[in-house]
Amino acid sequence: IVAEKNVGDFKDGTSNDNAEPIRILLSTDHASRGLDVQDITHVVQFDLPHEADTYVHRSGRAGRLGRSGYVFSIITPDQEFVLQRMTNKMGLNGEIKCVGRQK
């Protein structure tokens, strides 16, 4: 999904009744608002935003309309405090796990 499209274009591009259900949605922040793709259950964030509001809108693509959803944020060790501060501000319970190579 690219910035040159408007929200109506996004919806038109995902509304084919004969197509297989969308299982994965790859996007930039341009789709963090105004896009409701049914049954998205997981959001993976590869680049932590600077603002909590942006984090909320990105995360809100999963678990819409009272459904459960999961958000995974891939961060560097120096971003752990920022992520913790954002999730605390939003009243979310999150668990930070270190994966990959340990020093």
PDB file of N, CA and C in Angstrom:
ATOM      1  N   ILE A   1       0.865  -1.171   0.000  1.00  0.00           N
ATOM      2  CA  ILE A   1       0.000   0.000   0.000  1.00  0.00           C
ATOM      3  C   ILE A   1       0.905   1.225   0.000  1.00  0.00           C
ATOM      4  N   VAL A   2       0.630   2.144  -0.844  1.00  0.00           N
ATOM      5  CA  VAL A   2       1.486   3.315  -0.980  1.00  0.00           C
ATOM      6  C   VAL A   2       0.706   4.591  -0.723  1.00  0.00           C
ATOM      7  N   ALA A   3       1.418   5.672  -0.425  1.00  0.00           N
ATOM      8  CA  ALA A   3       0.798   6.936  -0.040  1.00  0.00           C
ATOM      9  C   ALA A   3      -0.037   7.556  -1.151  1.00  0.00           C
ATOM     10  N   GLU A   4       0.255   7.252  -2.394  1.00  0.00           N
ATOM     11  CA  GLU A   4      -0.454   7.878  -3.498  1.00  0.00           C
ATOM     12  C   GLU A   4      -1.902   7.420  -3.612  1.00  0.00           C
ATOM     13  N   LYS A   5      -2.262   6.381  -2.925  1.00  0.00           N
ATOM     14  CA  LYS A   5      -3.639   5.883  -2.954  1.00  0.00           C
ATOM     15  C   LYS A   5      -4.433   6.543  -1.828  1.00  0.00           C
ATOM     16  N   ASN A   6      -5.730   6.745  -2.052  1.00  0.00           N
ATOM     17  CA  ASN A   6      -6.568   7.241  -0.969  1.00  0.00           C
ATOM     18  C   ASN A   6      -7.265   6.056  -0.296  1.00  0.00           C
ATOM     19  N   VAL A   7      -7.949   6.315   0.807  1.00  0.00           N
ATOM     20  CA  VAL A   7      -8.577   5.233   1.567  1.00  0.00           C
ATOM     21  C   VAL A   7      -9.557   4.452   0.709  1.00  0.00           C
ATOM     22  N   GLY A   8     -10.284   5.123  -0.167  1.00  0.00           N
ATOM     23  CA  GLY A   8     -11.210   4.433  -1.062  1.00  0.00           C
ATOM     24  C   GLY A   8     -10.497   3.445  -1.970  1.00  0.00           C
ATOM     25  N   ASP A   9      -9.312   3.814  -2.433  1.00  0.00           N
ATOM     26  CA  ASP A   9      -8.523   2.900  -3.265  1.00  0.00           C
ATOM     27  C   ASP A   9      -8.109   1.669  -2.480  1.00  0.00           C
ATOM     28  N   PHE A  10      -7.753   1.848  -1.216  1.00  0.00           N
ATOM     29  CA  PHE A  10      -7.359   0.711  -0.379  1.00  0.00           C
ATOM     30  C   PHE A  10      -8.516  -0.272  -0.282  1.00  0.00           C
ATOM     31  N   LYS A  11      -9.692   0.249   0.021  1.00  0.00           N
ATOM     32  CA  LYS A  11     -10.852  -0.617   0.191  1.00  0.00           C
ATOM     33  C   LYS A  11     -11.207  -1.315  -1.110  1.00  0.00           C
ATOM     34  N   ASP A  12     -11.136  -0.588  -2.217  1.00  0.00           N
ATOM     35  CA  ASP A  12     -11.441  -1.193  -3.510  1.00  0.00           C
ATOM     36  C   ASP A  12     -10.470  -2.316  -3.832  1.00  0.00           C
ATOM     37  N   GLY A  13      -9.224  -2.153  -3.442  1.00  0.00           N
ATOM     38  CA  GLY A  13      -8.211  -3.150  -3.751  1.00  0.00           C
ATOM     39  C   GLY A  13      -8.289  -4.394  -2.896  1.00  0.00           C
ATOM     40  N   THR A  14      -9.093  -4.384  -1.844  1.00  0.00           N
ATOM     41  CA  THR A  14      -9.176  -5.544  -0.954  1.00  0.00           C
ATOM     42  C   THR A  14     -10.573  -6.138  -0.898  1.00  0.00           C
ATOM     43  N   SER A  15     -11.466  -5.702  -1.782  1.00  0.00           N
ATOM     44  CA  SER A  15     -12.861  -6.118  -1.649  1.00  0.00           C
ATOM     45  C   SER A  15     -13.291  -7.189  -2.647  1.00  0.00           C
ATOM     46  N   ASN A  16     -12.382  -7.875  -3.272  1.00  0.00           N
ATOM     47  CA  ASN A  16     -12.729  -8.910  -4.243  1.00  0.00           C
ATOM     48  C   ASN A  16     -13.328 -10.108  -3.512  1.00  0.00           C
ATOM     49  N   ASP A  17     -14.617 -10.330  -3.704  1.00  0.00           N
ATOM     50  CA  ASP A  17     -15.306 -11.417  -3.003  1.00  0.00           C
ATOM     51  C   ASP A  17     -14.823 -12.796  -3.428  1.00  0.00           C
ATOM     52  N   ASN A  18     -14.241 -12.910  -4.611  1.00  0.00           N
ATOM     53  CA  ASN A  18     -13.771 -14.204  -5.104  1.00  0.00           C
ATOM     54  C   ASN A  18     -12.340 -14.522  -4.692  1.00  0.00           C
ATOM     55  N   ALA A  19     -11.653 -13.572  -4.099  1.00  0.00           N
ATOM     56  CA  ALA A  19     -10.247 -13.770  -3.736  1.00  0.00           C
ATOM     57  C   ALA A  19     -10.119 -14.525  -2.416  1.00  0.00           C
ATOM     58  N   GLU A  20      -8.970 -15.122  -2.219  1.00  0.00           N
ATOM     59  CA  GLU A  20      -8.664 -15.755  -0.939  1.00  0.00           C
ATOM     60  C   GLU A  20      -8.590 -14.670   0.136  1.00  0.00           C
ATOM     61  N   PRO A  21      -8.910 -14.999   1.389  1.00  0.00           N
ATOM     62  CA  PRO A  21      -8.814 -14.001   2.463  1.00  0.00           C
ATOM     63  C   PRO A  21      -7.377 -13.507   2.631  1.00  0.00           C
ATOM     64  N   ILE A  22      -7.246 -12.234   2.986  1.00  0.00           N
ATOM     65  CA  ILE A  22      -5.925 -11.668   3.237  1.00  0.00           C
ATOM     66  C   ILE A  22      -5.410 -12.217   4.561  1.00  0.00           C
ATOM     67  N   ARG A  23      -4.262 -12.799   4.542  1.00  0.00           N
ATOM     68  CA  ARG A  23      -3.655 -13.342   5.752  1.00  0.00           C
ATOM     69  C   ARG A  23      -2.548 -12.431   6.276  1.00  0.00           C
ATOM     70  N   ILE A  24      -1.890 -11.717   5.374  1.00  0.00           N
ATOM     71  CA  ILE A  24      -0.778 -10.849   5.748  1.00  0.00           C
ATOM     72  C   ILE A  24      -0.982  -9.501   5.074  1.00  0.00           C
ATOM     73  N   LEU A  25      -0.788  -8.443   5.829  1.00  0.00           N
ATOM     74  CA  LEU A  25      -0.851  -7.099   5.280  1.00  0.00           C
ATOM     75  C   LEU A  25       0.479  -6.422   5.562  1.00  0.00           C
ATOM     76  N   LEU A  26       1.203  -6.065   4.523  1.00  0.00           N
ATOM     77  CA  LEU A  26       2.452  -5.323   4.651  1.00  0.00           C
ATOM     78  C   LEU A  26       2.158  -3.878   4.303  1.00  0.00           C
ATOM     79  N   SER A  27       2.628  -2.968   5.125  1.00  0.00           N
ATOM     80  CA  SER A  27       2.260  -1.582   4.902  1.00  0.00           C
ATOM     81  C   SER A  27       3.254  -0.633   5.547  1.00  0.00           C
ATOM     82  N   THR A  28       3.106   0.637   5.201  1.00  0.00           N
ATOM     83  CA  THR A  28       3.828   1.718   5.858  1.00  0.00           C
ATOM     84  C   THR A  28       2.835   2.422   6.778  1.00  0.00           C
ATOM     85  N   ASP A  29       3.263   3.523   7.386  1.00  0.00           N
ATOM     86  CA  ASP A  29       2.359   4.283   8.252  1.00  0.00           C
ATOM     87  C   ASP A  29       1.184   4.886   7.495  1.00  0.00           C
ATOM     88  N   HIS A  30       1.234   4.903   6.183  1.00  0.00           N
ATOM     89  CA  HIS A  30       0.131   5.475   5.407  1.00  0.00           C
ATOM     90  C   HIS A  30      -1.160   4.677   5.583  1.00  0.00           C
ATOM     91  N   ALA A  31      -1.054   3.450   6.020  1.00  0.00           N
ATOM     92  CA  ALA A  31      -2.249   2.639   6.252  1.00  0.00           C
ATOM     93  C   ALA A  31      -2.560   2.509   7.735  1.00  0.00           C
ATOM     94  N   SER A  32      -1.893   3.285   8.574  1.00  0.00           N
ATOM     95  CA  SER A  32      -2.125   3.139  10.008  1.00  0.00           C
ATOM     96  C   SER A  32      -3.443   3.763  10.452  1.00  0.00           C
ATOM     97  N   ARG A  33      -4.061   4.548   9.601  1.00  0.00           N
ATOM     98  CA  ARG A  33      -5.355   5.159   9.919  1.00  0.00           C
ATOM     99  C   ARG A  33      -6.315   4.958   8.758  1.00  0.00           C
ATOM    100  N   GLY A  34      -7.560   4.684   9.094  1.00  0.00           N
ATOM    101  CA  GLY A  34      -8.608   4.653   8.086  1.00  0.00           C
ATOM    102  C   GLY A  34      -8.697   3.388   7.265  1.00  0.00           C
ATOM    103  N   LEU A  35      -7.947   2.383   7.596  1.00  0.00           N
ATOM    104  CA  LEU A  35      -7.983   1.138   6.837  1.00  0.00           C
ATOM    105  C   LEU A  35      -8.475   0.031   7.753  1.00  0.00           C
ATOM    106  N   ASP A  36      -9.539  -0.638   7.365  1.00  0.00           N
ATOM    107  CA  ASP A  36     -10.071  -1.738   8.161  1.00  0.00           C
ATOM    108  C   ASP A  36     -10.142  -2.978   7.285  1.00  0.00           C
ATOM    109  N   VAL A  37      -9.103  -3.777   7.350  1.00  0.00           N
ATOM    110  CA  VAL A  37      -9.081  -5.044   6.630  1.00  0.00           C
ATOM    111  C   VAL A  37      -9.568  -6.097   7.613  1.00  0.00           C
ATOM    112  N   GLN A  38     -10.608  -6.799   7.255  1.00  0.00           N
ATOM    113  CA  GLN A  38     -11.219  -7.770   8.156  1.00  0.00           C
ATOM    114  C   GLN A  38     -10.244  -8.872   8.564  1.00  0.00           C
ATOM    115  N   ASP A  39     -10.349  -9.273   9.813  1.00  0.00           N
ATOM    116  CA  ASP A  39      -9.668 -10.450  10.355  1.00  0.00           C
ATOM    117  C   ASP A  39      -8.150 -10.362  10.396  1.00  0.00           C
ATOM    118  N   ILE A  40      -7.584  -9.167  10.476  1.00  0.00           N
ATOM    119  CA  ILE A  40      -6.151  -9.045  10.739  1.00  0.00           C
ATOM    120  C   ILE A  40      -5.970  -9.301  12.234  1.00  0.00           C
ATOM    121  N   THR A  41      -5.205 -10.304  12.589  1.00  0.00           N
ATOM    122  CA  THR A  41      -5.034 -10.670  13.997  1.00  0.00           C
ATOM    123  C   THR A  41      -3.664 -10.308  14.544  1.00  0.00           C
ATOM    124  N   HIS A  42      -2.686 -10.077  13.660  1.00  0.00           N
ATOM    125  CA  HIS A  42      -1.323  -9.805  14.101  1.00  0.00           C
ATOM    126  C   HIS A  42      -0.743  -8.606  13.353  1.00  0.00           C
ATOM    127  N   VAL A  43      -0.070  -7.758  14.098  1.00  0.00           N
ATOM    128  CA  VAL A  43       0.687  -6.652  13.521  1.00  0.00           C
ATOM    129  C   VAL A  43       2.129  -6.824  13.967  1.00  0.00           C
ATOM    130  N   VAL A  44       3.053  -6.741  13.028  1.00  0.00           N
ATOM    131  CA  VAL A  44       4.478  -6.788  13.342  1.00  0.00           C
ATOM    132  C   VAL A  44       5.054  -5.428  12.985  1.00  0.00           C
ATOM    133  N   GLN A  45       5.622  -4.765  13.974  1.00  0.00           N
ATOM    134  CA  GLN A  45       6.214  -3.453  13.751  1.00  0.00           C
ATOM    135  C   GLN A  45       7.732  -3.607  13.692  1.00  0.00           C
ATOM    136  N   PHE A  46       8.305  -3.233  12.549  1.00  0.00           N
ATOM    137  CA  PHE A  46       9.747  -3.362  12.347  1.00  0.00           C
ATOM    138  C   PHE A  46      10.508  -2.097  12.703  1.00  0.00           C
ATOM    139  N   ASP A  47       9.818  -0.997  12.817  1.00  0.00           N
ATOM    140  CA  ASP A  47      10.458   0.281  13.098  1.00  0.00           C
ATOM    141  C   ASP A  47       9.599   1.010  14.118  1.00  0.00           C
ATOM    142  N   LEU A  48      10.083   1.126  15.333  1.00  0.00           N
ATOM    143  CA  LEU A  48       9.314   1.740  16.410  1.00  0.00           C
ATOM    144  C   LEU A  48       9.077   3.221  16.107  1.00  0.00           C
ATOM    145  N   PRO A  49       7.823   3.674  16.151  1.00  0.00           N
ATOM    146  CA  PRO A  49       7.561   5.093  15.889  1.00  0.00           C
ATOM    147  C   PRO A  49       8.030   5.957  17.060  1.00  0.00           C
ATOM    148  N   HIS A  50       8.142   7.244  16.805  1.00  0.00           N
ATOM    149  CA  HIS A  50       8.571   8.177  17.848  1.00  0.00           C
ATOM    150  C   HIS A  50       7.421   8.595  18.756  1.00  0.00           C
ATOM    151  N   GLU A  51       6.204   8.476  18.283  1.00  0.00           N
ATOM    152  CA  GLU A  51       5.032   8.937  19.025  1.00  0.00           C
ATOM    153  C   GLU A  51       4.126   7.771  19.414  1.00  0.00           C
ATOM    154  N   ALA A  52       3.606   7.835  20.637  1.00  0.00           N
ATOM    155  CA  ALA A  52       2.697   6.791  21.120  1.00  0.00           C
ATOM    156  C   ALA A  52       1.430   6.735  20.270  1.00  0.00           C
ATOM    157  N   ASP A  53       0.956   7.883  19.802  1.00  0.00           N
ATOM    158  CA  ASP A  53      -0.255   7.928  18.982  1.00  0.00           C
ATOM    159  C   ASP A  53      -0.079   7.114  17.697  1.00  0.00           C
ATOM    160  N   THR A  54       1.076   7.218  17.083  1.00  0.00           N
ATOM    161  CA  THR A  54       1.352   6.439  15.873  1.00  0.00           C
ATOM    162  C   THR A  54       1.395   4.957  16.197  1.00  0.00           C
ATOM    163  N   TYR A  55       1.982   4.611  17.332  1.00  0.00           N
ATOM    164  CA  TYR A  55       2.042   3.209  17.758  1.00  0.00           C
ATOM    165  C   TYR A  55       0.629   2.646  17.927  1.00  0.00           C
ATOM    166  N   VAL A  56      -0.246   3.435  18.540  1.00  0.00           N
ATOM    167  CA  VAL A  56      -1.633   3.014  18.748  1.00  0.00           C
ATOM    168  C   VAL A  56      -2.323   2.761  17.412  1.00  0.00           C
ATOM    169  N   HIS A  57      -2.180   3.672  16.474  1.00  0.00           N
ATOM    170  CA  HIS A  57      -2.869   3.527  15.190  1.00  0.00           C
ATOM    171  C   HIS A  57      -2.310   2.375  14.365  1.00  0.00           C
ATOM    172  N   ARG A  58      -1.005   2.178  14.407  1.00  0.00           N
ATOM    173  CA  ARG A  58      -0.429   1.014  13.725  1.00  0.00           C
ATOM    174  C   ARG A  58      -0.979  -0.272  14.335  1.00  0.00           C
ATOM    175  N   SER A  59      -0.948  -0.323  15.657  1.00  0.00           N
ATOM    176  CA  SER A  59      -1.378  -1.526  16.369  1.00  0.00           C
ATOM    177  C   SER A  59      -2.855  -1.803  16.174  1.00  0.00           C
ATOM    178  N   GLY A  60      -3.625  -0.747  15.976  1.00  0.00           N
ATOM    179  CA  GLY A  60      -5.067  -0.872  15.833  1.00  0.00           C
ATOM    180  C   GLY A  60      -5.533  -1.580  14.574  1.00  0.00           C
ATOM    181  N   ARG A  61      -4.624  -1.944  13.698  1.00  0.00           N
ATOM    182  CA  ARG A  61      -5.016  -2.719  12.514  1.00  0.00           C
ATOM    183  C   ARG A  61      -5.379  -4.139  12.918  1.00  0.00           C
ATOM    184  N   ALA A  62      -4.913  -4.600  14.070  1.00  0.00           N
ATOM    185  CA  ALA A  62      -5.219  -5.957  14.557  1.00  0.00           C
ATOM    186  C   ALA A  62      -6.274  -5.875  15.653  1.00  0.00           C
ATOM    187  N   GLY A  63      -7.123  -6.866  15.710  1.00  0.00           N
ATOM    188  CA  GLY A  63      -8.108  -6.942  16.783  1.00  0.00           C
ATOM    189  C   GLY A  63      -9.136  -5.829  16.730  1.00  0.00           C
ATOM    190  N   ARG A  64      -9.641  -5.519  15.578  1.00  0.00           N
ATOM    191  CA  ARG A  64     -10.612  -4.443  15.424  1.00  0.00           C
ATOM    192  C   ARG A  64     -11.988  -4.860  15.940  1.00  0.00           C
ATOM    193  N   LEU A  65     -12.771  -3.873  16.328  1.00  0.00           N
ATOM    194  CA  LEU A  65     -14.177  -4.059  16.698  1.00  0.00           C
ATOM    195  C   LEU A  65     -14.370  -5.105  17.787  1.00  0.00           C
ATOM    196  N   GLY A  66     -13.558  -5.019  18.832  1.00  0.00           N
ATOM    197  CA  GLY A  66     -13.709  -5.909  19.970  1.00  0.00           C
ATOM    198  C   GLY A  66     -13.059  -7.267  19.833  1.00  0.00           C
ATOM    199  N   ARG A  67     -12.442  -7.540  18.689  1.00  0.00           N
ATOM    200  CA  ARG A  67     -11.757  -8.824  18.514  1.00  0.00           C
ATOM    201  C   ARG A  67     -10.362  -8.743  19.120  1.00  0.00           C
ATOM    202  N   SER A  68      -9.811  -9.890  19.455  1.00  0.00           N
ATOM    203  CA  SER A  68      -8.456  -9.942  19.995  1.00  0.00           C
ATOM    204  C   SER A  68      -7.440  -9.747  18.888  1.00  0.00           C
ATOM    205  N   GLY A  69      -6.308  -9.186  19.258  1.00  0.00           N
ATOM    206  CA  GLY A  69      -5.222  -9.008  18.312  1.00  0.00           C
ATOM    207  C   GLY A  69      -3.893  -9.004  19.042  1.00  0.00           C
ATOM    208  N   TYR A  70      -2.836  -9.209  18.287  1.00  0.00           N
ATOM    209  CA  TYR A  70      -1.492  -9.266  18.854  1.00  0.00           C
ATOM    210  C   TYR A  70      -0.586  -8.315  18.097  1.00  0.00           C
ATOM    211  N   VAL A  71       0.300  -7.657  18.841  1.00  0.00           N
ATOM    212  CA  VAL A  71       1.265  -6.750  18.239  1.00  0.00           C
ATOM    213  C   VAL A  71       2.656  -7.180  18.671  1.00  0.00           C
ATOM    214  N   PHE A  72       3.520  -7.348  17.690  1.00  0.00           N
ATOM    215  CA  PHE A  72       4.915  -7.680  17.937  1.00  0.00           C
ATOM    216  C   PHE A  72       5.747  -6.510  17.439  1.00  0.00           C
ATOM    217  N   SER A  73       6.596  -5.981  18.309  1.00  0.00           N
ATOM    218  CA  SER A  73       7.455  -4.860  17.932  1.00  0.00           C
ATOM    219  C   SER A  73       8.898  -5.324  17.984  1.00  0.00           C
ATOM    220  N   ILE A  74       9.557  -5.254  16.854  1.00  0.00           N
ATOM    221  CA  ILE A  74      10.960  -5.637  16.789  1.00  0.00           C
ATOM    222  C   ILE A  74      11.773  -4.380  17.075  1.00  0.00           C
ATOM    223  N   ILE A  75      12.503  -4.413  18.187  1.00  0.00           N
ATOM    224  CA  ILE A  75      13.231  -3.225  18.631  1.00  0.00           C
ATOM    225  C   ILE A  75      14.684  -3.567  18.937  1.00  0.00           C
ATOM    226  N   THR A  76      15.471  -2.528  19.056  1.00  0.00           N
ATOM    227  CA  THR A  76      16.850  -2.674  19.500  1.00  0.00           C
ATOM    228  C   THR A  76      16.871  -2.494  21.015  1.00  0.00           C
ATOM    229  N   PRO A  77      17.930  -2.947  21.689  1.00  0.00           N
ATOM    230  CA  PRO A  77      17.979  -2.808  23.153  1.00  0.00           C
ATOM    231  C   PRO A  77      17.796  -1.362  23.628  1.00  0.00           C
ATOM    232  N   ASP A  78      18.290  -0.394  22.890  1.00  0.00           N
ATOM    233  CA  ASP A  78      18.150   0.996  23.319  1.00  0.00           C
ATOM    234  C   ASP A  78      16.733   1.542  23.125  1.00  0.00           C
ATOM    235  N   GLN A  79      15.861   0.809  22.457  1.00  0.00           N
ATOM    236  CA  GLN A  79      14.468   1.234  22.280  1.00  0.00           C
ATOM    237  C   GLN A  79      13.535   0.620  23.324  1.00  0.00           C
ATOM    238  N   GLU A  80      14.044  -0.255  24.160  1.00  0.00           N
ATOM    239  CA  GLU A  80      13.199  -0.947  25.138  1.00  0.00           C
ATOM    240  C   GLU A  80      12.483   0.037  26.057  1.00  0.00           C
ATOM    241  N   PHE A  81      13.196   1.049  26.553  1.00  0.00           N
ATOM    242  CA  PHE A  81      12.586   2.029  27.445  1.00  0.00           C
ATOM    243  C   PHE A  81      11.460   2.786  26.739  1.00  0.00           C
ATOM    244  N   VAL A  82      11.676   3.152  25.478  1.00  0.00           N
ATOM    245  CA  VAL A  82      10.664   3.895  24.712  1.00  0.00           C
ATOM    246  C   VAL A  82       9.402   3.050  24.545  1.00  0.00           C
ATOM    247  N   LEU A  83       9.573   1.789  24.189  1.00  0.00           N
ATOM    248  CA  LEU A  83       8.422   0.900  24.025  1.00  0.00           C
ATOM    249  C   LEU A  83       7.690   0.717  25.350  1.00  0.00           C
ATOM    250  N   GLN A  84       8.431   0.521  26.424  1.00  0.00           N
ATOM    251  CA  GLN A  84       7.811   0.352  27.744  1.00  0.00           C
ATOM    252  C   GLN A  84       7.018   1.598  28.128  1.00  0.00           C
ATOM    253  N   ARG A  85       7.579   2.768  27.869  1.00  0.00           N
ATOM    254  CA  ARG A  85       6.897   4.027  28.187  1.00  0.00           C
ATOM    255  C   ARG A  85       5.599   4.161  27.386  1.00  0.00           C
ATOM    256  N   MET A  86       5.640   3.817  26.098  1.00  0.00           N
ATOM    257  CA  MET A  86       4.437   3.921  25.264  1.00  0.00           C
ATOM    258  C   MET A  86       3.357   2.950  25.721  1.00  0.00           C
ATOM    259  N   THR A  87       3.719   1.703  25.982  1.00  0.00           N
ATOM    260  CA  THR A  87       2.707   0.726  26.381  1.00  0.00           C
ATOM    261  C   THR A  87       2.144   1.054  27.759  1.00  0.00           C
ATOM    262  N   ASN A  88       2.962   1.560  28.663  1.00  0.00           N
ATOM    263  CA  ASN A  88       2.464   1.977  29.976  1.00  0.00           C
ATOM    264  C   ASN A  88       1.486   3.137  29.836  1.00  0.00           C
ATOM    265  N   LYS A  89       1.812   4.086  28.972  1.00  0.00           N
ATOM    266  CA  LYS A  89       0.946   5.250  28.748  1.00  0.00           C
ATOM    267  C   LYS A  89      -0.426   4.819  28.244  1.00  0.00           C
ATOM    268  N   MET A  90      -0.454   3.748  27.463  1.00  0.00           N
ATOM    269  CA  MET A  90      -1.707   3.260  26.894  1.00  0.00           C
ATOM    270  C   MET A  90      -2.405   2.255  27.804  1.00  0.00           C
ATOM    271  N   GLY A  91      -1.786   1.895  28.923  1.00  0.00           N
ATOM    272  CA  GLY A  91      -2.387   0.927  29.826  1.00  0.00           C
ATOM    273  C   GLY A  91      -2.348  -0.495  29.304  1.00  0.00           C
ATOM    274  N   LEU A  92      -1.363  -0.797  28.476  1.00  0.00           N
ATOM    275  CA  LEU A  92      -1.241  -2.140  27.908  1.00  0.00           C
ATOM    276  C   LEU A  92      -0.270  -2.982  28.718  1.00  0.00           C
ATOM    277  N   ASN A  93      -0.575  -4.247  28.801  1.00  0.00           N
ATOM    278  CA  ASN A  93       0.341  -5.186  29.434  1.00  0.00           C
ATOM    279  C   ASN A  93       1.130  -5.856  28.334  1.00  0.00           C
ATOM    280  N   GLY A  94       2.402  -5.651  28.345  1.00  0.00           N
ATOM    281  CA  GLY A  94       3.236  -6.266  27.323  1.00  0.00           C
ATOM    282  C   GLY A  94       4.391  -6.998  27.961  1.00  0.00           C
ATOM    283  N   GLU A  95       4.952  -7.863  27.198  1.00  0.00           N
ATOM    284  CA  GLU A  95       6.108  -8.615  27.655  1.00  0.00           C
ATOM    285  C   GLU A  95       7.227  -8.392  26.654  1.00  0.00           C
ATOM    286  N   ILE A  96       8.377  -7.987  27.159  1.00  0.00           N
ATOM    287  CA  ILE A  96       9.526  -7.776  26.290  1.00  0.00           C
ATOM    288  C   ILE A  96      10.439  -8.979  26.415  1.00  0.00           C
ATOM    289  N   LYS A  97      10.694  -9.611  25.285  1.00  0.00           N
ATOM    290  CA  LYS A  97      11.568 -10.783  25.252  1.00  0.00           C
ATOM    291  C   LYS A  97      12.726 -10.506  24.311  1.00  0.00           C
ATOM    292  N   CYS A  98      13.894 -10.906  24.728  1.00  0.00           N
ATOM    293  CA  CYS A  98      15.071 -10.775  23.889  1.00  0.00           C
ATOM    294  C   CYS A  98      15.214 -12.047  23.061  1.00  0.00           C
ATOM    295  N   VAL A  99      15.341 -11.879  21.772  1.00  0.00           N
ATOM    296  CA  VAL A  99      15.533 -13.023  20.884  1.00  0.00           C
ATOM    297  C   VAL A  99      16.776 -12.783  20.044  1.00  0.00           C
ATOM    298  N   GLY A 100      17.330 -13.834  19.531  1.00  0.00           N
ATOM    299  CA  GLY A 100      18.504 -13.690  18.681  1.00  0.00           C
ATOM    300  C   GLY A 100      19.791 -13.766  19.465  1.00  0.00           C
ATOM    301  N   ARG A 101      20.808 -13.185  18.912  1.00  0.00           N
ATOM    302  CA  ARG A 101      22.156 -13.266  19.464  1.00  0.00           C
ATOM    303  C   ARG A 101      22.286 -12.479  20.763  1.00  0.00           C
ATOM    304  N   GLN A 102      22.876 -13.077  21.757  1.00  0.00           N
ATOM    305  CA  GLN A 102      23.133 -12.434  23.047  1.00  0.00           C
ATOM    306  C   GLN A 102      24.595 -12.036  23.130  1.00  0.00           C
ATOM    307  N   LYS A 103      24.872 -10.901  23.764  1.00  0.00           N
ATOM    308  CA  LYS A 103      26.267 -10.480  23.960  1.00  0.00           C
ATOM    309  C   LYS A 103      26.757 -10.921  25.313  1.00  0.00           C
TER     310      LYS A 103
END
